[in-house]
Amino acid sequence: METPPRTATGTFTLEMSPPGTAVDGAVDRFGLTKTWRGDIAGSGTGVMLTGGDPATGLAGYVAIEVVRGTLAGRPGSFLLQQFGDLDLGEETLYYQVVNGSGTDQLVGLKGRMDLEIDDQGVHHYELTYTIPR
């Protein structure tokens, strides 16, 4: 039985490795490392593919990340699938928990994350999620 939807909030810091070309010079590949704070506490590692020209305000990315730590005190890990689009400076960001990816006490986790980056570059997240009892 799933619990009613819950909300987890906090921040994360992000470090990215130097880019490596993934496809014919048109797609770049980055490694990413995150430190999660707040209701999600732990670390994340993943891979990001980017394309386009951010300098002109036209670009996009996809990424997948494994998050290891705790969610509201429950230990385990899960995958986050990410999609970002930059259209003339307007960003669309979409994060979703990959179905079936939860481990340990996070088995059955489902959710969607909203992200906001403030003027100081701090990444604030809000995860709306459900999980079996």
C-alpha atoms as a PDB file:
ATOM      1  CA  MET A   1       0.000   0.000   0.000  1.00  0.00           C
ATOM      2  CA  GLU A   2       1.338   3.445  -0.965  1.00  0.00           C
ATOM      3  CA  THR A   3       1.350   6.378   1.397  1.00  0.00           C
ATOM      4  CA  PRO A   4      -0.305   9.649   0.366  1.00  0.00           C
ATOM      5  CA  PRO A   5       2.018  11.878  -1.710  1.00  0.00           C
ATOM      6  CA  ARG A   6       4.792  13.440   0.339  1.00  0.00           C
ATOM      7  CA  THR A   7       7.158  16.304  -0.352  1.00  0.00           C
ATOM      8  CA  ALA A   8      10.915  16.346   0.218  1.00  0.00           C
ATOM      9  CA  THR A   9      12.857  19.617  -0.030  1.00  0.00           C
ATOM     10  CA  GLY A  10      16.450  20.747   0.218  1.00  0.00           C
ATOM     11  CA  THR A  11      19.472  21.716  -1.838  1.00  0.00           C
ATOM     12  CA  PHE A  12      22.314  20.058  -3.694  1.00  0.00           C
ATOM     13  CA  THR A  13      25.738  21.034  -4.929  1.00  0.00           C
ATOM     14  CA  LEU A  14      26.892  19.931  -8.366  1.00  0.00           C
ATOM     15  CA  GLU A  15      30.320  19.199  -9.814  1.00  0.00           C
ATOM     16  CA  MET A  16      30.784  18.253 -13.469  1.00  0.00           C
ATOM     17  CA  SER A  17      33.768  16.645 -15.129  1.00  0.00           C
ATOM     18  CA  PRO A  18      35.308  18.272 -18.211  1.00  0.00           C
ATOM     19  CA  PRO A  19      33.330  17.462 -21.359  1.00  0.00           C
ATOM     20  CA  GLY A  20      34.203  14.605 -23.647  1.00  0.00           C
ATOM     21  CA  THR A  21      32.793  14.322 -27.135  1.00  0.00           C
ATOM     22  CA  ALA A  22      30.188  11.572 -27.350  1.00  0.00           C
ATOM     23  CA  VAL A  23      28.838  11.771 -30.933  1.00  0.00           C
ATOM     24  CA  ASP A  24      30.539  13.372 -33.963  1.00  0.00           C
ATOM     25  CA  GLY A  25      31.424  16.582 -32.117  1.00  0.00           C
ATOM     26  CA  ALA A  26      27.724  17.480 -31.815  1.00  0.00           C
ATOM     27  CA  VAL A  27      27.052  15.868 -28.425  1.00  0.00           C
ATOM     28  CA  ASP A  28      29.184  16.344 -25.318  1.00  0.00           C
ATOM     29  CA  ARG A  29      29.363  13.902 -22.416  1.00  0.00           C
ATOM     30  CA  PHE A  30      29.894  14.971 -18.798  1.00  0.00           C
ATOM     31  CA  GLY A  31      30.211  13.084 -15.538  1.00  0.00           C
ATOM     32  CA  LEU A  32      28.323  14.629 -12.640  1.00  0.00           C
ATOM     33  CA  THR A  33      28.640  14.379  -8.875  1.00  0.00           C
ATOM     34  CA  LYS A  34      26.146  15.831  -6.406  1.00  0.00           C
ATOM     35  CA  THR A  35      25.934  16.253  -2.659  1.00  0.00           C
ATOM     36  CA  TRP A  36      22.301  16.217  -1.506  1.00  0.00           C
ATOM     37  CA  ARG A  37      21.177  18.030   1.647  1.00  0.00           C
ATOM     38  CA  GLY A  38      17.790  18.297   3.331  1.00  0.00           C
ATOM     39  CA  ASP A  39      15.136  15.584   3.152  1.00  0.00           C
ATOM     40  CA  ILE A  40      17.406  13.771   0.681  1.00  0.00           C
ATOM     41  CA  ALA A  41      20.812  13.347   2.305  1.00  0.00           C
ATOM     42  CA  GLY A  42      23.627  11.639   0.449  1.00  0.00           C
ATOM     43  CA  SER A  43      25.494  11.646  -2.819  1.00  0.00           C
ATOM     44  CA  GLY A  44      24.708  11.272  -6.481  1.00  0.00           C
ATOM     45  CA  THR A  45      26.750  10.277  -9.511  1.00  0.00           C
ATOM     46  CA  GLY A  46      25.685  10.199 -13.110  1.00  0.00           C
ATOM     47  CA  VAL A  47      26.221  10.910 -16.779  1.00  0.00           C
ATOM     48  CA  MET A  48      24.915  13.858 -18.793  1.00  0.00           C
ATOM     49  CA  LEU A  49      24.725  14.264 -22.581  1.00  0.00           C
ATOM     50  CA  THR A  50      24.365  17.785 -23.963  1.00  0.00           C
ATOM     51  CA  GLY A  51      23.874  19.314 -27.377  1.00  0.00           C
ATOM     52  CA  GLY A  52      23.197  22.666 -28.938  1.00  0.00           C
ATOM     53  CA  ASP A  53      24.778  26.040 -28.283  1.00  0.00           C
ATOM     54  CA  PRO A  54      24.161  27.425 -24.779  1.00  0.00           C
ATOM     55  CA  ALA A  55      25.889  30.699 -25.744  1.00  0.00           C
ATOM     56  CA  THR A  56      22.997  31.417 -28.138  1.00  0.00           C
ATOM     57  CA  GLY A  57      20.387  30.241 -25.622  1.00  0.00           C
ATOM     58  CA  LEU A  58      19.525  27.088 -27.585  1.00  0.00           C
ATOM     59  CA  ALA A  59      20.558  23.752 -26.050  1.00  0.00           C
ATOM     60  CA  GLY A  60      19.374  20.619 -24.331  1.00  0.00           C
ATOM     61  CA  TYR A  61      20.525  17.813 -22.079  1.00  0.00           C
ATOM     62  CA  VAL A  62      19.548  14.404 -20.783  1.00  0.00           C
ATOM     63  CA  ALA A  63      21.066  12.701 -17.753  1.00  0.00           C
ATOM     64  CA  ILE A  64      20.665   9.751 -15.452  1.00  0.00           C
ATOM     65  CA  GLU A  65      21.939   9.714 -11.900  1.00  0.00           C
ATOM     66  CA  VAL A  66      22.037   7.255  -9.019  1.00  0.00           C
ATOM     67  CA  VAL A  67      21.258   8.877  -5.663  1.00  0.00           C
ATOM     68  CA  ARG A  68      22.559   7.022  -2.590  1.00  0.00           C
ATOM     69  CA  GLY A  69      21.678   7.971   0.975  1.00  0.00           C
ATOM     70  CA  THR A  70      18.424   8.586   2.785  1.00  0.00           C
ATOM     71  CA  LEU A  71      15.036  10.011   1.854  1.00  0.00           C
ATOM     72  CA  ALA A  72      13.167  11.261   4.931  1.00  0.00           C
ATOM     73  CA  GLY A  73      15.418   9.015   7.024  1.00  0.00           C
ATOM     74  CA  ARG A  74      14.823   5.875   4.911  1.00  0.00           C
ATOM     75  CA  PRO A  75      18.101   4.417   3.561  1.00  0.00           C
ATOM     76  CA  GLY A  76      18.559   3.232  -0.003  1.00  0.00           C
ATOM     77  CA  SER A  77      19.220   4.412  -3.505  1.00  0.00           C
ATOM     78  CA  PHE A  78      17.227   5.360  -6.583  1.00  0.00           C
ATOM     79  CA  LEU A  79      17.743   6.645 -10.106  1.00  0.00           C
ATOM     80  CA  LEU A  80      16.789  10.115 -11.311  1.00  0.00           C
ATOM     81  CA  GLN A  81      16.105  10.683 -14.995  1.00  0.00           C
ATOM     82  CA  GLN A  82      16.633  14.277 -16.126  1.00  0.00           C
ATOM     83  CA  PHE A  83      15.658  16.358 -19.143  1.00  0.00           C
ATOM     84  CA  GLY A  84      16.580  19.978 -19.738  1.00  0.00           C
ATOM     85  CA  ASP A  85      15.765  22.351 -22.583  1.00  0.00           C
ATOM     86  CA  LEU A  86      17.044  25.873 -23.168  1.00  0.00           C
ATOM     87  CA  ASP A  87      15.011  27.883 -25.688  1.00  0.00           C
ATOM     88  CA  LEU A  88      16.244  31.453 -26.093  1.00  0.00           C
ATOM     89  CA  GLY A  89      17.187  31.563 -22.427  1.00  0.00           C
ATOM     90  CA  GLU A  90      13.964  29.990 -21.098  1.00  0.00           C
ATOM     91  CA  GLU A  91      14.735  26.768 -19.211  1.00  0.00           C
ATOM     92  CA  THR A  92      12.532  23.724 -18.897  1.00  0.00           C
ATOM     93  CA  LEU A  93      13.792  21.174 -16.362  1.00  0.00           C
ATOM     94  CA  TYR A  94      12.197  17.795 -15.715  1.00  0.00           C
ATOM     95  CA  TYR A  95      13.350  15.248 -13.128  1.00  0.00           C
ATOM     96  CA  GLN A  96      11.626  11.915 -12.480  1.00  0.00           C
ATOM     97  CA  VAL A  97      12.419   8.927 -10.282  1.00  0.00           C
ATOM     98  CA  VAL A  98      12.979   5.935 -12.570  1.00  0.00           C
ATOM     99  CA  ASN A  99      10.234   3.405 -11.823  1.00  0.00           C
ATOM    100  CA  GLY A 100      11.539   0.237 -10.183  1.00  0.00           C
ATOM    101  CA  SER A 101      14.916   1.765  -9.290  1.00  0.00           C
ATOM    102  CA  GLY A 102      14.500   2.104  -5.508  1.00  0.00           C
ATOM    103  CA  THR A 103      16.559  -0.154  -3.234  1.00  0.00           C
ATOM    104  CA  ASP A 104      16.525  -1.082   0.479  1.00  0.00           C
ATOM    105  CA  GLN A 105      13.814   0.991   2.225  1.00  0.00           C
ATOM    106  CA  LEU A 106      13.147   2.964  -0.992  1.00  0.00           C
ATOM    107  CA  VAL A 107      11.769   0.015  -2.992  1.00  0.00           C
ATOM    108  CA  GLY A 108       8.631   1.162  -4.804  1.00  0.00           C
ATOM    109  CA  LEU A 109       9.583   4.860  -4.739  1.00  0.00           C
ATOM    110  CA  LYS A 110       7.870   6.970  -7.436  1.00  0.00           C
ATOM    111  CA  GLY A 111       8.131  10.691  -7.860  1.00  0.00           C
ATOM    112  CA  ARG A 112       8.771  13.856  -9.783  1.00  0.00           C
ATOM    113  CA  MET A 113      11.212  16.589  -8.816  1.00  0.00           C
ATOM    114  CA  ASP A 114      11.036  20.322  -9.435  1.00  0.00           C
ATOM    115  CA  LEU A 115      14.239  22.327  -9.423  1.00  0.00           C
ATOM    116  CA  GLU A 116      14.966  26.002  -8.966  1.00  0.00           C
ATOM    117  CA  ILE A 117      18.378  27.644  -9.193  1.00  0.00           C
ATOM    118  CA  ASP A 118      18.563  30.901  -7.228  1.00  0.00           C
ATOM    119  CA  ASP A 119      20.579  34.034  -8.055  1.00  0.00           C
ATOM    120  CA  GLN A 120      23.570  32.659  -6.103  1.00  0.00           C
ATOM    121  CA  GLY A 121      23.535  29.422  -8.139  1.00  0.00           C
ATOM    122  CA  VAL A 122      22.141  27.281  -5.294  1.00  0.00           C
ATOM    123  CA  HIS A 123      20.062  24.348  -6.564  1.00  0.00           C
ATOM    124  CA  HIS A 124      16.810  23.936  -4.576  1.00  0.00           C
ATOM    125  CA  TYR A 125      14.748  20.776  -5.099  1.00  0.00           C
ATOM    126  CA  GLU A 126      11.213  19.702  -4.262  1.00  0.00           C
ATOM    127  CA  LEU A 127      10.470  16.005  -4.720  1.00  0.00           C
ATOM    128  CA  THR A 128       6.808  14.969  -4.681  1.00  0.00           C
ATOM    129  CA  TYR A 129       6.787  11.207  -4.097  1.00  0.00           C
ATOM    130  CA  THR A 130       4.928   8.117  -3.027  1.00  0.00           C
ATOM    131  CA  ILE A 131       6.353   4.976  -1.503  1.00  0.00           C
ATOM    132  CA  PRO A 132       4.834   1.783  -0.114  1.00  0.00           C
ATOM    133  CA  ARG A 133       4.505   1.683   3.660  1.00  0.00           C
END
